[in-house]
N, C-alpha and C. Protein backbone atom coordinates (compact mmCIF):
# COMPACT_ATOMS: atom_id res chain seq x y z
N MET A 1 -0.29 -6.89 1.22
CA MET A 1 0.27 -7.90 0.08
C MET A 1 -0.92 -8.46 -0.33
N ALA A 2 -2.66 -8.60 -0.27
CA ALA A 2 -3.46 -9.27 -1.58
C ALA A 2 -3.70 -8.23 -2.18
N THR A 3 -2.88 -6.98 -2.18
CA THR A 3 -3.02 -5.62 -3.52
C THR A 3 -2.80 -6.66 -4.20
N ILE A 4 -0.75 -6.54 -4.28
CA ILE A 4 0.36 -7.23 -5.14
C ILE A 4 -0.30 -8.83 -5.44
N PHE A 5 -0.16 -9.84 -4.41
CA PHE A 5 -0.87 -11.07 -5.29
C PHE A 5 -2.34 -11.04 -6.36
N LEU A 6 -3.26 -9.85 -6.54
CA LEU A 6 -4.59 -9.52 -7.10
C LEU A 6 -3.17 -8.83 -8.58
N ALA A 7 -2.39 -8.24 -8.82
CA ALA A 7 -1.39 -7.53 -9.40
C ALA A 7 -0.44 -8.52 -10.29
N VAL A 8 -0.44 -8.93 -9.40
CA VAL A 8 0.14 -10.56 -9.77
C VAL A 8 -0.37 -11.28 -10.37
N LEU A 9 -1.60 -11.54 -10.67
CA LEU A 9 -2.48 -12.59 -10.94
C LEU A 9 -2.39 -11.88 -12.53
N MET A 10 -2.37 -10.74 -12.68
CA MET A 10 -3.87 -9.49 -13.42
C MET A 10 -2.25 -9.14 -14.70
N LEU A 11 -1.64 -9.42 -13.99
CA LEU A 11 0.04 -9.01 -14.78
C LEU A 11 0.37 -10.91 -15.51
N SER A 12 -0.19 -11.43 -14.90
CA SER A 12 0.42 -13.67 -15.16
C SER A 12 -1.21 -13.70 -16.88
N ALA A 13 -1.72 -12.79 -16.10
CA ALA A 13 -3.40 -13.29 -16.93
C ALA A 13 -3.04 -11.85 -18.28
N ALA A 14 -2.98 -11.03 -18.44
CA ALA A 14 -2.46 -10.15 -19.60
C ALA A 14 -1.01 -11.05 -20.10
N SER A 15 -0.11 -11.89 -19.93
CA SER A 15 1.05 -12.18 -20.68
C SER A 15 0.20 -12.62 -20.79
N ALA A 16 0.15 -14.20 -20.22
CA ALA A 16 0.05 -15.29 -21.78
C ALA A 16 -1.79 -15.39 -21.94
N MET A 17 -2.10 -13.74 -22.17
CA MET A 17 -3.17 -13.56 -23.16
C MET A 17 -2.46 -13.60 -24.77
N ILE A 18 -1.36 -12.38 -24.60
CA ILE A 18 -0.09 -12.12 -24.93
C ILE A 18 0.83 -13.24 -26.08
N TYR A 19 0.87 -13.97 -25.19
CA TYR A 19 1.27 -15.57 -25.55
C TYR A 19 0.42 -16.08 -26.40
N LYS A 20 -0.78 -16.20 -26.26
CA LYS A 20 -1.54 -17.13 -26.36
C LYS A 20 -1.45 -16.23 -28.12
N SER A 21 -2.11 -14.92 -28.09
CA SER A 21 -1.79 -14.11 -28.98
C SER A 21 -1.56 -14.56 -30.67
N ALA A 22 0.59 -14.94 -30.14
CA ALA A 22 1.77 -14.55 -31.08
C ALA A 22 1.65 -15.80 -30.88
N SER A 23 0.89 -16.77 -30.90
CA SER A 23 1.46 -18.17 -31.03
C SER A 23 -0.19 -18.16 -31.81
N MET A 24 -1.47 -17.82 -31.27
CA MET A 24 -1.93 -17.84 -32.63
C MET A 24 -1.57 -18.12 -34.19
N GLY A 25 -0.60 -16.14 -34.17
CA GLY A 25 0.07 -15.61 -35.32
C GLY A 25 0.42 -16.74 -36.29
N ARG A 26 0.96 -17.64 -35.46
CA ARG A 26 1.66 -18.22 -35.94
C ARG A 26 1.66 -19.89 -37.04
N MET A 27 0.10 -19.68 -36.87
CA MET A 27 -0.59 -20.57 -37.11
C MET A 27 -2.16 -20.10 -37.75
N VAL A 28 -1.89 -18.25 -37.86
CA VAL A 28 -2.48 -17.66 -39.26
C VAL A 28 -3.84 -17.96 -39.97
N ARG A 29 -2.65 -19.34 -40.63
CA ARG A 29 -3.24 -19.94 -41.63
C ARG A 29 -3.54 -22.31 -41.39
N LEU A 30 -3.87 -21.61 -40.30
CA LEU A 30 -4.57 -23.26 -39.63
C LEU A 30 -5.88 -23.30 -38.86
N GLN A 31 -5.56 -22.09 -38.50
CA GLN A 31 -6.90 -21.77 -37.79
C GLN A 31 -7.52 -20.74 -37.53
N GLN A 32 -8.32 -20.33 -37.76
CA GLN A 32 -9.39 -18.84 -36.99
C GLN A 32 -8.90 -18.33 -36.35
N ARG A 33 -8.79 -16.65 -35.83
CA ARG A 33 -8.48 -15.59 -35.55
C ARG A 33 -9.56 -15.15 -34.15
N VAL A 34 -8.88 -15.14 -32.94
CA VAL A 34 -9.87 -15.09 -32.18
C VAL A 34 -10.72 -13.37 -32.75
N PRO A 35 -12.34 -13.03 -32.29
CA PRO A 35 -12.33 -12.09 -33.15
C PRO A 35 -11.68 -10.83 -31.96
N TYR A 36 -11.24 -10.28 -32.48
CA TYR A 36 -10.89 -8.73 -32.14
C TYR A 36 -11.61 -8.28 -30.76
N HIS A 37 -12.89 -8.63 -30.68
CA HIS A 37 -13.62 -7.93 -29.80
C HIS A 37 -13.42 -8.46 -28.91
N ARG A 38 -12.55 -9.99 -28.69
CA ARG A 38 -13.20 -11.00 -27.67
C ARG A 38 -11.21 -9.73 -26.47
N ILE A 39 -10.88 -9.45 -27.74
CA ILE A 39 -9.79 -8.97 -27.01
C ILE A 39 -10.25 -8.23 -26.19
N ILE A 40 -10.46 -6.87 -26.91
CA ILE A 40 -10.94 -5.84 -26.30
C ILE A 40 -12.28 -5.57 -25.00
N SER A 41 -13.21 -6.63 -24.72
CA SER A 41 -14.08 -7.34 -23.90
C SER A 41 -13.44 -7.17 -22.89
N LYS A 42 -11.85 -8.11 -22.88
CA LYS A 42 -11.03 -8.91 -21.91
C LYS A 42 -10.36 -7.22 -21.35
N VAL A 43 -9.87 -5.99 -22.68
CA VAL A 43 -9.04 -5.65 -21.89
C VAL A 43 -9.77 -4.22 -21.08
N VAL A 44 -11.58 -4.29 -21.45
CA VAL A 44 -12.12 -3.63 -20.51
C VAL A 44 -12.69 -3.91 -19.49
N LEU A 45 -12.43 -5.50 -19.20
CA LEU A 45 -12.94 -6.36 -18.15
C LEU A 45 -11.76 -5.70 -16.85
N LEU A 46 -10.86 -5.87 -17.49
CA LEU A 46 -9.49 -5.03 -15.96
C LEU A 46 -9.38 -4.28 -16.18
N THR A 47 -9.23 -2.90 -16.78
CA THR A 47 -9.17 -2.37 -16.92
C THR A 47 -10.51 -1.52 -15.77
N VAL A 48 -11.22 -2.29 -15.79
CA VAL A 48 -12.34 -2.32 -14.55
C VAL A 48 -12.43 -2.07 -13.69
N LEU A 49 -11.14 -3.38 -13.19
CA LEU A 49 -11.12 -4.49 -12.47
C LEU A 49 -9.59 -3.93 -11.69
N LEU A 50 -9.19 -2.65 -12.03
CA LEU A 50 -7.71 -2.00 -11.62
C LEU A 50 -8.13 -0.97 -10.86
N PRO A 51 -8.97 0.12 -11.07
CA PRO A 51 -9.33 1.14 -9.79
C PRO A 51 -9.43 0.55 -8.20
N GLY A 52 -10.21 -0.86 -8.28
CA GLY A 52 -10.56 -1.55 -7.68
C GLY A 52 -8.71 -2.31 -6.73
N PHE A 53 -8.08 -2.24 -7.24
CA PHE A 53 -6.98 -2.88 -6.84
C PHE A 53 -6.20 -1.99 -6.69
N THR A 54 -5.68 -0.76 -7.41
CA THR A 54 -4.87 0.73 -7.07
C THR A 54 -5.42 1.71 -6.15
N TYR A 55 -6.99 1.17 -5.61
CA TYR A 55 -7.10 2.13 -5.01
C TYR A 55 -7.61 1.21 -3.94
N ALA A 56 -6.89 0.53 -3.13
CA ALA A 56 -8.31 -1.07 -1.66
C ALA A 56 -8.43 -0.16 -1.00
N HIS A 57 -7.12 0.49 -0.71
CA HIS A 57 -6.78 1.32 0.84
C HIS A 57 -7.92 2.11 1.08
N GLY A 58 -8.84 2.32 -0.01
CA GLY A 58 -9.69 4.33 0.65
C GLY A 58 -11.14 3.02 1.24
N ASN A 59 -11.09 1.75 1.02
CA ASN A 59 -12.28 1.22 1.72
C ASN A 59 -11.99 -0.03 2.68
N VAL A 60 -11.28 0.00 2.85
CA VAL A 60 -11.14 -0.81 3.86
C VAL A 60 -11.47 -0.63 4.68
N THR A 61 -12.27 -2.18 5.93
CA THR A 61 -12.51 -1.61 7.35
C THR A 61 -11.56 -1.20 8.81
N ILE A 62 -11.65 -0.93 9.71
CA ILE A 62 -10.87 0.15 10.47
C ILE A 62 -9.76 -1.34 10.90
N GLU A 63 -10.08 -2.76 11.01
CA GLU A 63 -9.28 -3.83 11.00
C GLU A 63 -7.93 -4.09 9.93
N GLU A 64 -8.48 -3.59 8.83
CA GLU A 64 -7.32 -3.64 8.24
C GLU A 64 -6.67 -2.76 7.90
N ASP A 65 -6.58 -1.16 8.73
CA ASP A 65 -5.98 -0.39 8.20
C ASP A 65 -4.76 -0.29 8.76
N GLY A 66 -3.33 0.32 8.70
CA GLY A 66 -1.74 -0.57 8.66
C GLY A 66 -1.77 0.29 10.09
N CYS A 67 -2.71 2.09 10.23
CA CYS A 67 -2.31 2.27 11.35
C CYS A 67 -3.11 2.29 12.71
N VAL A 68 -3.36 0.92 12.53
CA VAL A 68 -5.39 0.18 13.28
C VAL A 68 -3.55 -0.25 14.08
N ARG A 69 -3.64 -0.85 15.41
CA ARG A 69 -3.14 -1.69 16.36
C ARG A 69 -4.64 -2.09 17.20
N ARG A 70 -4.23 -3.70 17.48
CA ARG A 70 -5.33 -4.57 18.64
C ARG A 70 -3.87 -4.04 19.58
N VAL A 71 -4.40 -4.01 21.05
CA VAL A 71 -4.11 -4.21 21.77
C VAL A 71 -4.37 -4.05 23.11
N GLY A 72 -4.52 -5.08 24.37
CA GLY A 72 -5.11 -5.08 25.78
C GLY A 72 -6.80 -6.06 24.95
N GLY A 73 -7.42 -5.99 23.71
CA GLY A 73 -8.40 -6.48 23.32
C GLY A 73 -8.30 -5.62 22.81
N GLY A 74 -8.76 -3.96 22.71
CA GLY A 74 -9.06 -2.87 22.23
C GLY A 74 -8.41 -2.45 20.97
N LEU A 75 -8.63 -1.36 19.85
CA LEU A 75 -8.06 -1.26 19.24
C LEU A 75 -8.05 0.39 19.22
N VAL A 76 -6.29 0.78 18.62
CA VAL A 76 -5.89 2.16 18.41
C VAL A 76 -4.73 2.37 17.74
N HIS A 77 -5.14 3.66 17.27
CA HIS A 77 -4.72 4.03 15.28
C HIS A 77 -3.99 5.34 15.97
N PHE A 78 -2.92 5.47 15.07
CA PHE A 78 -1.69 6.27 15.37
C PHE A 78 -1.89 7.33 14.07
N ASN A 79 -1.22 8.92 14.76
CA ASN A 79 -0.67 8.71 13.70
C ASN A 79 1.00 10.44 14.40
N ALA A 80 1.63 10.34 13.09
CA ALA A 80 2.26 11.52 13.35
C ALA A 80 2.87 12.80 12.27
N TYR A 81 2.25 13.80 13.27
CA TYR A 81 2.56 14.74 12.61
C TYR A 81 4.60 15.45 12.34
N GLN A 82 4.55 16.72 11.71
CA GLN A 82 6.23 17.42 11.45
C GLN A 82 5.74 18.23 10.89
N PRO A 83 4.52 19.46 11.61
CA PRO A 83 4.06 20.53 11.13
C PRO A 83 5.07 21.52 10.74
N GLN A 84 6.39 21.45 11.44
CA GLN A 84 7.59 22.08 10.51
C GLN A 84 7.64 21.77 8.99
N ASN A 85 7.90 20.92 8.65
CA ASN A 85 7.38 20.24 6.87
C ASN A 85 6.86 20.26 6.05
N GLU A 86 5.74 20.17 6.73
CA GLU A 86 3.99 20.11 5.95
C GLU A 86 3.74 20.24 6.72
N ALA A 87 2.45 20.94 7.77
CA ALA A 87 1.11 21.98 8.69
C ALA A 87 0.29 20.46 8.67
N LYS A 88 -0.58 19.94 7.58
CA LYS A 88 -1.43 19.51 7.10
C LYS A 88 -1.08 18.19 7.39
N ALA A 89 -0.34 17.75 6.94
CA ALA A 89 -0.24 16.75 6.55
C ALA A 89 0.19 15.60 7.71
N HIS A 90 -0.37 14.06 7.52
CA HIS A 90 -0.44 13.52 8.92
C HIS A 90 1.11 11.84 8.37
N TYR A 91 1.67 10.74 8.76
CA TYR A 91 2.22 10.07 8.89
C TYR A 91 1.07 8.20 9.88
N CYS A 92 1.35 7.64 8.72
CA CYS A 92 1.57 6.54 10.27
C CYS A 92 3.22 5.60 10.13
N THR A 93 3.70 4.62 9.75
CA THR A 93 4.99 4.51 9.58
C THR A 93 5.67 5.36 8.93
N GLU A 94 5.26 5.39 7.75
CA GLU A 94 6.66 5.82 7.06
C GLU A 94 6.89 7.64 7.40
N ILE A 95 7.74 8.50 7.76
CA ILE A 95 7.65 9.82 8.60
C ILE A 95 8.73 10.44 7.63
N PRO A 96 8.64 11.20 6.54
CA PRO A 96 9.42 11.58 5.22
C PRO A 96 10.25 12.29 5.63
N GLY A 97 10.05 12.76 6.95
CA GLY A 97 11.73 14.13 7.53
C GLY A 97 12.18 13.44 8.38
N GLU A 98 13.30 14.21 9.28
CA GLU A 98 13.14 14.30 10.59
C GLU A 98 13.35 14.95 11.03
N GLY A 99 13.54 15.64 12.17
CA GLY A 99 12.80 16.82 13.17
C GLY A 99 11.90 15.86 13.79
N GLU A 100 11.41 17.29 14.49
CA GLU A 100 10.30 17.67 15.90
C GLU A 100 9.05 16.90 14.41
N THR A 101 8.81 15.54 15.50
CA THR A 101 7.57 14.89 15.65
C THR A 101 6.46 14.60 16.76
N PHE A 102 5.68 14.54 16.53
CA PHE A 102 4.58 15.05 17.23
C PHE A 102 3.29 12.97 16.74
N LEU A 103 3.23 12.84 18.44
CA LEU A 103 2.42 10.92 18.23
C LEU A 103 1.83 11.25 18.44
N VAL A 104 0.52 11.00 18.27
CA VAL A 104 -0.48 11.09 18.44
C VAL A 104 -1.33 9.29 18.05
N VAL A 105 -1.64 9.09 19.57
CA VAL A 105 -2.50 7.91 19.90
C VAL A 105 -3.59 7.98 20.54
N ASP A 106 -4.38 7.89 18.91
CA ASP A 106 -6.09 7.59 19.59
C ASP A 106 -7.02 5.81 20.13
N LEU A 107 -6.88 6.58 21.50
CA LEU A 107 -7.53 4.68 22.03
C LEU A 107 -8.77 4.66 21.00
N VAL A 108 -9.25 3.93 20.11
CA VAL A 108 -10.40 3.81 19.80
C VAL A 108 -11.75 3.13 20.58
N ASP A 109 -11.09 2.68 21.61
CA ASP A 109 -11.78 1.27 22.10
C ASP A 109 -12.30 1.68 23.38
N SER A 110 -13.14 2.28 23.63
CA SER A 110 -13.46 3.38 25.38
C SER A 110 -13.50 2.01 26.34
N GLY A 111 -13.14 1.11 26.54
CA GLY A 111 -12.06 0.45 27.48
C GLY A 111 -10.79 1.01 27.80
N LEU A 112 -9.89 1.11 26.43
CA LEU A 112 -8.93 2.09 27.22
C LEU A 112 -8.74 3.33 28.40
N ARG A 113 -9.33 3.58 27.44
CA ARG A 113 -9.20 4.94 27.70
C ARG A 113 -9.46 5.56 29.76
N ASN A 114 -10.62 3.95 30.26
CA ASN A 114 -9.95 3.92 31.60
C ASN A 114 -8.64 3.65 32.56
N THR A 115 -8.11 3.13 30.88
CA THR A 115 -6.96 1.96 32.03
C THR A 115 -5.73 2.93 31.38
N ALA A 116 -4.80 2.98 32.25
CA ALA A 116 -3.38 3.79 32.06
C ALA A 116 -2.59 3.45 30.95
N VAL A 117 -1.97 3.17 30.16
CA VAL A 117 -1.11 3.65 28.53
C VAL A 117 0.32 4.47 28.69
N GLY A 118 0.47 3.95 28.44
CA GLY A 118 2.00 3.82 28.66
C GLY A 118 2.64 4.21 27.61
N VAL A 119 3.07 5.14 26.67
CA VAL A 119 3.91 4.21 25.38
C VAL A 119 4.81 4.54 25.36
N ARG A 120 6.08 4.16 24.87
CA ARG A 120 8.06 4.08 24.16
C ARG A 120 8.42 4.07 23.24
N VAL A 121 9.13 4.63 22.30
CA VAL A 121 10.07 4.09 21.48
C VAL A 121 11.47 4.29 21.40
N VAL A 122 11.45 3.54 21.15
CA VAL A 122 12.72 2.64 21.18
C VAL A 122 13.78 3.14 19.48
N ARG A 123 14.59 3.07 19.24
CA ARG A 123 15.40 3.23 18.23
C ARG A 123 16.06 1.59 18.01
N GLY A 124 16.10 0.93 17.00
CA GLY A 124 16.23 0.04 16.20
C GLY A 124 14.79 -0.20 16.33
N LEU A 125 15.12 -1.83 15.82
CA LEU A 125 13.47 -3.30 15.67
C LEU A 125 13.30 -3.46 16.58
N THR A 126 14.01 -3.69 17.85
CA THR A 126 13.52 -4.92 19.67
C THR A 126 12.34 -3.58 20.42
N GLU A 127 12.21 -4.33 21.05
CA GLU A 127 11.18 -3.80 21.74
C GLU A 127 11.38 -3.19 23.41
N THR A 128 12.51 -4.95 23.29
CA THR A 128 13.09 -4.58 24.43
C THR A 128 14.55 -4.03 24.73
N ALA A 129 15.02 -3.20 23.60
CA ALA A 129 16.58 -2.02 23.52
C ALA A 129 15.43 -1.04 24.77
N GLU A 130 15.25 -0.31 26.07
CA GLU A 130 15.19 0.17 26.61
C GLU A 130 16.21 1.26 26.97
N ASP A 131 18.04 0.20 26.39
CA ASP A 131 19.38 1.50 26.08
C ASP A 131 18.62 2.66 25.24
N GLN A 132 17.92 2.54 24.07
CA GLN A 132 17.39 3.32 23.34
C GLN A 132 16.48 4.03 23.18
N THR A 133 16.18 4.14 24.30
CA THR A 133 15.09 4.76 23.89
C THR A 133 15.26 5.97 23.06
N VAL A 134 15.03 6.39 22.93
CA VAL A 134 14.64 8.53 22.60
C VAL A 134 12.99 8.99 23.04
N ALA A 135 11.58 8.62 23.46
CA ALA A 135 10.58 9.11 24.10
C ALA A 135 10.09 7.69 24.92
N TYR A 136 9.18 9.23 26.56
CA TYR A 136 8.95 7.45 27.18
C TYR A 136 7.49 8.48 27.63
N TRP A 137 6.25 8.26 27.30
CA TRP A 137 4.83 8.98 27.90
C TRP A 137 4.50 7.63 29.21
N PRO A 138 4.60 7.24 30.08
CA PRO A 138 4.78 6.11 31.59
C PRO A 138 3.09 6.96 31.35
N PRO A 139 2.74 5.93 31.53
CA PRO A 139 1.77 5.29 31.92
C PRO A 139 -0.10 6.61 32.19
N ALA A 140 -0.91 6.74 32.01
CA ALA A 140 -1.52 7.85 32.34
C ALA A 140 -2.84 7.09 32.15
N ILE A 141 -3.86 7.51 33.27
CA ILE A 141 -4.92 7.62 32.08
C ILE A 141 -5.40 8.77 31.44
N HIS A 142 -6.10 8.14 29.70
CA HIS A 142 -6.60 9.42 29.31
C HIS A 142 -7.68 9.15 28.73
N PRO A 143 -8.94 10.04 29.86
CA PRO A 143 -9.99 9.75 29.59
C PRO A 143 -10.60 10.83 28.36
N ASP A 144 -10.43 11.54 27.38
CA ASP A 144 -10.36 11.51 26.01
C ASP A 144 -9.80 11.31 24.83
N GLY A 145 -8.95 10.04 25.65
CA GLY A 145 -9.16 8.89 24.27
C GLY A 145 -7.57 9.86 23.39
N VAL A 146 -6.89 10.46 23.89
CA VAL A 146 -6.33 9.95 23.07
C VAL A 146 -4.55 11.18 24.05
N VAL A 147 -3.07 9.86 24.27
CA VAL A 147 -2.10 9.46 24.03
C VAL A 147 -1.11 10.76 23.40
N ARG A 148 -1.00 11.79 23.68
CA ARG A 148 -0.14 13.73 22.34
C ARG A 148 1.53 12.74 23.50
N GLY A 149 2.36 12.82 22.48
CA GLY A 149 3.98 13.15 22.70
C GLY A 149 5.07 13.58 21.93
N GLU A 150 5.70 14.55 21.88
CA GLU A 150 6.42 15.41 20.63
C GLU A 150 8.12 14.86 21.45
N THR A 151 8.13 14.37 20.27
CA THR A 151 10.52 14.38 20.45
C THR A 151 11.00 13.93 19.28
N THR A 152 11.87 13.96 18.68
CA THR A 152 13.04 14.02 17.83
C THR A 152 13.86 13.08 17.32
N LEU A 153 13.32 12.87 15.96
CA LEU A 153 13.87 11.64 15.37
C LEU A 153 14.55 12.39 14.34
N ALA A 154 15.44 10.87 14.04
CA ALA A 154 16.87 11.59 12.96
C ALA A 154 16.48 9.80 12.48
N LYS A 155 16.79 10.46 10.52
CA LYS A 155 16.98 9.46 9.84
C LYS A 155 16.96 8.26 10.93
N GLY A 156 16.53 7.12 10.30
CA GLY A 156 16.52 5.26 10.25
C GLY A 156 15.32 4.99 10.82
N LEU A 157 14.48 3.60 12.07
CA LEU A 157 14.53 3.29 11.97
C LEU A 157 13.79 2.83 13.86
N TYR A 158 12.74 2.66 14.23
CA TYR A 158 12.32 2.37 15.25
C TYR A 158 10.49 2.40 15.52
N THR A 159 10.80 2.05 17.01
CA THR A 159 9.45 0.68 17.00
C THR A 159 9.23 1.78 18.33
N LEU A 160 7.65 1.70 18.20
CA LEU A 160 6.45 2.51 19.67
C LEU A 160 5.91 1.72 20.22
N ILE A 161 6.31 1.30 21.40
CA ILE A 161 5.64 0.05 22.15
C ILE A 161 4.13 0.68 23.02
N ILE A 162 3.54 0.51 22.14
CA ILE A 162 1.67 1.35 23.02
C ILE A 162 1.94 0.03 24.30
N THR A 163 1.83 0.31 25.81
CA THR A 163 1.39 -0.62 26.54
C THR A 163 0.37 0.01 27.35
N PRO A 164 -0.62 -0.94 27.59
CA PRO A 164 -1.40 -0.84 28.10
C PRO A 164 -1.15 -1.36 29.70
N GLU A 165 -1.09 -1.31 31.29
CA GLU A 165 -0.98 -1.37 32.88
C GLU A 165 -1.82 -2.85 33.04
N GLY A 166 -1.81 -4.14 32.41
CA GLY A 166 -1.93 -5.12 32.81
C GLY A 166 -2.57 -5.74 31.77
N LEU A 167 -2.61 -5.98 31.04
CA LEU A 167 -3.63 -5.93 29.04
C LEU A 167 -1.96 -5.97 28.35
N SER A 168 -1.92 -6.58 27.31
CA SER A 168 -1.43 -7.52 25.79
C SER A 168 -0.59 -5.65 25.51
N SER A 169 0.81 -5.46 25.44
CA SER A 169 1.25 -4.73 24.48
C SER A 169 1.87 -3.81 22.64
N SER A 170 1.64 -3.74 22.42
CA SER A 170 1.62 -3.95 21.17
C SER A 170 2.53 -2.62 19.69
N SER A 171 2.96 -3.19 19.11
CA SER A 171 4.07 -1.60 18.25
C SER A 171 3.97 -1.99 17.51
N TYR A 172 4.49 -0.85 16.28
CA TYR A 172 4.38 -0.18 15.65
C TYR A 172 5.99 -0.17 14.27
N ILE A 173 6.24 0.06 13.47
CA ILE A 173 7.16 -0.06 13.76
C ILE A 173 7.73 1.21 12.68
N LEU A 174 8.33 2.71 12.15
CA LEU A 174 8.40 3.53 12.42
C LEU A 174 9.67 3.94 11.04
N ARG A 175 9.35 4.04 9.90
CA ARG A 175 11.01 4.25 8.72
C ARG A 175 10.52 5.53 9.22
N VAL A 176 11.80 6.75 9.32
CA VAL A 176 12.22 7.59 9.67
C VAL A 176 13.56 7.72 7.99
N GLN A 177 12.44 8.91 6.97
CA GLN A 177 12.99 8.34 6.07
C GLN A 177 13.94 8.01 5.31
N GLN A 178 12.86 6.83 5.11
CA GLN A 178 13.44 5.74 4.24
C GLN A 178 12.82 5.48 3.29
N VAL A 179 13.68 4.56 1.90
CA VAL A 179 12.97 3.58 1.20
C VAL A 179 12.20 2.26 1.85
N ASP A 180 10.87 3.20 1.13
CA ASP A 180 9.56 2.13 1.39
C ASP A 180 9.13 1.90 -0.47
N TYR A 181 9.56 0.10 -0.21
CA TYR A 181 9.72 -0.86 -1.65
C TYR A 181 8.82 -0.17 -2.36
N ALA A 182 7.98 -1.19 -0.88
CA ALA A 182 7.01 -2.23 -1.25
C ALA A 182 6.13 -1.35 -1.50
N HIS A 183 5.96 0.38 -0.80
CA HIS A 183 5.20 1.80 -1.39
C HIS A 183 5.08 1.71 -2.27
N ILE A 184 6.49 1.37 -2.92
CA ILE A 184 6.53 1.86 -4.79
C ILE A 184 6.31 0.54 -5.65
N ALA A 185 6.54 -0.23 -5.24
CA ALA A 185 6.07 -1.61 -5.84
C ALA A 185 4.93 -1.50 -5.80
N ARG A 186 4.14 -1.43 -5.54
CA ARG A 186 2.36 -1.12 -5.46
C ARG A 186 2.14 -0.29 -6.19
N LYS A 187 3.01 1.43 -6.55
CA LYS A 187 2.14 2.49 -7.16
C LYS A 187 2.77 2.25 -8.06
N SER A 188 3.89 1.39 -8.31
CA SER A 188 3.85 0.53 -9.85
C SER A 188 3.08 -0.19 -11.10
N ILE A 189 2.26 -0.96 -9.93
CA ILE A 189 1.54 -1.64 -10.09
C ILE A 189 1.08 -1.10 -11.29
N GLY A 190 0.02 -0.24 -11.09
CA GLY A 190 -0.65 0.50 -12.34
C GLY A 190 -0.75 0.74 -13.36
N PRO A 191 0.34 1.18 -13.54
CA PRO A 191 1.54 1.88 -15.26
C PRO A 191 1.48 0.43 -15.19
N LEU A 192 2.20 -0.48 -14.70
CA LEU A 192 2.35 -1.44 -15.80
C LEU A 192 1.22 -2.47 -15.84
N VAL A 193 0.93 -2.53 -15.31
CA VAL A 193 -0.73 -3.46 -16.18
C VAL A 193 -1.44 -2.14 -16.83
N ILE A 194 -1.44 -1.07 -17.16
CA ILE A 194 -2.18 -0.48 -18.55
C ILE A 194 -0.55 -0.59 -19.95
N LEU A 195 1.06 -0.38 -19.17
CA LEU A 195 1.06 -0.67 -20.74
C LEU A 195 1.07 -2.37 -21.16
N LEU A 196 0.72 -3.01 -20.04
CA LEU A 196 0.81 -4.48 -20.87
C LEU A 196 -0.80 -5.12 -21.85
N LEU A 197 -1.76 -4.21 -20.56
CA LEU A 197 -3.10 -3.45 -21.88
C LEU A 197 -2.52 -3.07 -23.09
N LEU A 198 -2.17 -2.12 -23.52
CA LEU A 198 -1.13 -1.18 -23.87
C LEU A 198 -0.32 -1.79 -25.75
N ALA A 199 -0.03 -2.50 -25.10
CA ALA A 199 0.84 -3.97 -25.60
C ALA A 199 -0.54 -4.49 -26.46
N LEU A 200 -0.56 -4.81 -25.76
CA LEU A 200 -1.60 -5.79 -26.35
C LEU A 200 -3.21 -5.54 -26.98
N ILE A 201 -3.64 -4.29 -26.13
CA ILE A 201 -4.39 -4.14 -27.88
C ILE A 201 -3.80 -3.75 -29.36
N GLY A 202 -1.78 -3.61 -29.02
CA GLY A 202 -1.43 -2.30 -29.92
C GLY A 202 -1.31 -4.68 -31.54
N TYR A 203 -0.24 -5.26 -29.89
CA TYR A 203 -0.11 -6.32 -30.71
C TYR A 203 -1.50 -7.11 -31.98
N GLU A 204 -2.45 -6.52 -31.13
CA GLU A 204 -4.02 -7.99 -31.91
C GLU A 204 -4.63 -6.67 -32.79
N PHE A 205 -4.20 -5.14 -32.84
CA PHE A 205 -4.69 -4.25 -34.43
C PHE A 205 -3.70 -5.12 -34.97
N SER A 206 -2.52 -5.33 -34.79
CA SER A 206 -0.84 -5.12 -35.67
C SER A 206 -1.91 -6.37 -36.10
N LYS A 207 -2.17 -6.72 -35.98
CA LYS A 207 -2.26 -8.60 -36.73
C LYS A 207 -3.58 -8.73 -37.01
N SER A 208 -4.72 -7.31 -36.96
CA SER A 208 -5.61 -7.13 -37.67
C SER A 208 -6.35 -7.64 -39.14
N LYS A 209 -7.28 -8.13 -39.41
CA LYS A 209 -7.16 -7.36 -41.05
C LYS A 209 -7.09 -5.53 -40.91
N ARG A 210 -7.73 -4.37 -40.51
CA ARG A 210 -7.66 -3.29 -40.45
C ARG A 210 -6.13 -2.40 -40.54
N GLY A 211 -5.44 -3.65 -38.88
CA GLY A 211 -4.70 -3.98 -39.03
C GLY A 211 -3.54 -2.92 -40.07
N ARG A 212 -3.65 -4.68 -40.66
CA ARG A 212 -2.59 -4.93 -42.36
C ARG A 212 -2.96 -3.57 -43.11
N ASN A 213 -4.15 -2.64 -43.10
CA ASN A 213 -5.18 -2.74 -44.17
C ASN A 213 -4.28 -1.54 -44.46
N TRP A 214 -4.54 -0.98 -42.48
CA TRP A 214 -3.73 -0.19 -42.60
C TRP A 214 -1.60 -0.15 -42.50
N ARG A 215 -1.18 -0.31 -42.40
CA ARG A 215 -0.15 -0.43 -43.06
C ARG A 215 -0.05 -0.55 -44.04
N ILE A 216 -0.77 -1.42 -44.38
CA ILE A 216 -0.28 -0.78 -46.50
C ILE A 216 -0.24 0.22 -47.07
N SER A 217 -1.62 0.18 -46.49
CA SER A 217 -2.53 1.67 -46.60
C SER A 217 -0.85 3.33 -46.77
N GLY A 218 -0.99 2.99 -45.50
CA GLY A 218 0.14 3.49 -45.03
C GLY A 218 1.60 3.18 -46.03
N GLN A 219 1.48 2.08 -46.16
CA GLN A 219 2.97 2.50 -47.32
C GLN A 219 2.61 2.70 -48.89
N ALA A 220 1.85 3.23 -49.32
CA ALA A 220 0.69 3.29 -50.46
C ALA A 220 1.56 4.57 -50.58
């Protein structure tokens, strides 16, 4: 959400710059236009900032990782694998295909390795729908810090619940072969910003003296 918020702010700033430039174009005979190099400097600044939010996930701490949850005061990390579809790929909450799926919960904090931990997967978005259970691994101690299991997942939404004995539980919402519109929106932010910047550069160039001279020479 923070990434999308920053992108919206940058898009708004770019739009405001375009609007301001258009207004100044209409008043060109009344006041001096903003020097072209100032617009370029703003564009460069936005371009430098762009990789920062486009690839923000690569620099997050473990607490900010979307595959990490706090369970009973400790941290766990979840991954899903479908080697029959793609041998080396691993997924978190977005699972692209149906079929046989290997579920792996890493008990990051050593305290959880001395606690019996159980895992249940239910169809739907409620943790209490035990009649919709598609996989269950009863509580057991995992000294190696890894809870493993295998199940078959059809297209749809699932809830994976991690429950340490005597401690509070936590869960993941699994989307199997579902369209993640939020992810698509995040992917489109970068190209949209670039298009706005290119439009701003083109507009400013067309209104500059050099741009007018270029158009005149082209018409000649």
